[in-house]
Amino acid sequence: MQMKQVLLLLAEGFETYEAASFIDVIGWNKIDGDGSTRLFSCGLRREVKSSFDQCIIVDYLLEEIDPSTFDALVIPGGFAEYSYYRDAYDERFMSLIRAFNDNHKIIASVCVGALPIARSGVLINRQATTCNIGDLKLEELRSYKVDVLSAQIVTDGNLITSCNTSTAPDVAFLLLEMLTSKKQSDYIKEIMGFRPL
């Protein structure tokens, strides 16, 4: 069985709950599932501070990443108050997003994690969503020539976007399904105690 490797791309000010959902779902599958998935984290600095000032030591610096060795990229959203967009809109972040897309890898985001994807140009003329609290972020997403949908989760080919923090576990299970199978994802959902939708 080939190991599927997931890269968690962390911007300063990332939303902890959103990142943790992927860490847990991918990790549960590694330990209690079919053992086929593994998650690694990366950032612009070795230590990345989340929203609400939690410090995370990442596995890799962004410049150490070879996109060809990973099967999926995950981008949690975050808070402007904690400088999220300083990292998320950094050209190095957007270059990595483009590299994953060019190699037809899965890119999954939660809430405003869709905005750096859109800013990179990857979402032009594609369907997506983002933070649905007010219209500000939806309008920003639209400004990048994105077909903005009013939905909880939107998939367009290899891209997954979602509308708010509450969707993080569902996006993580959808990513696991895309990496393995619906049966495998449903099994992990069941043993983690999530009710079927």
Foldseek 3Di string as FASTA:
>chain_A
DAAAEEEEEDFAFFDPLLSVLLQVLQVCCCPVNPNRYDYFYEYCDQWHAYNVGDIDGGPYYLVVDDLVVHQEYEYEHGDVVRVRCVRLQPVSNLVSLVVCVVVQHAYEYEALSVLSPLVSLVQAAEEEEHAPPDCPSVVSSVVSNHNYDDDQWDDTRRYIYGHHSVCSNVSSLVVVCVVPNVVRSVVSCVVVPHDDD
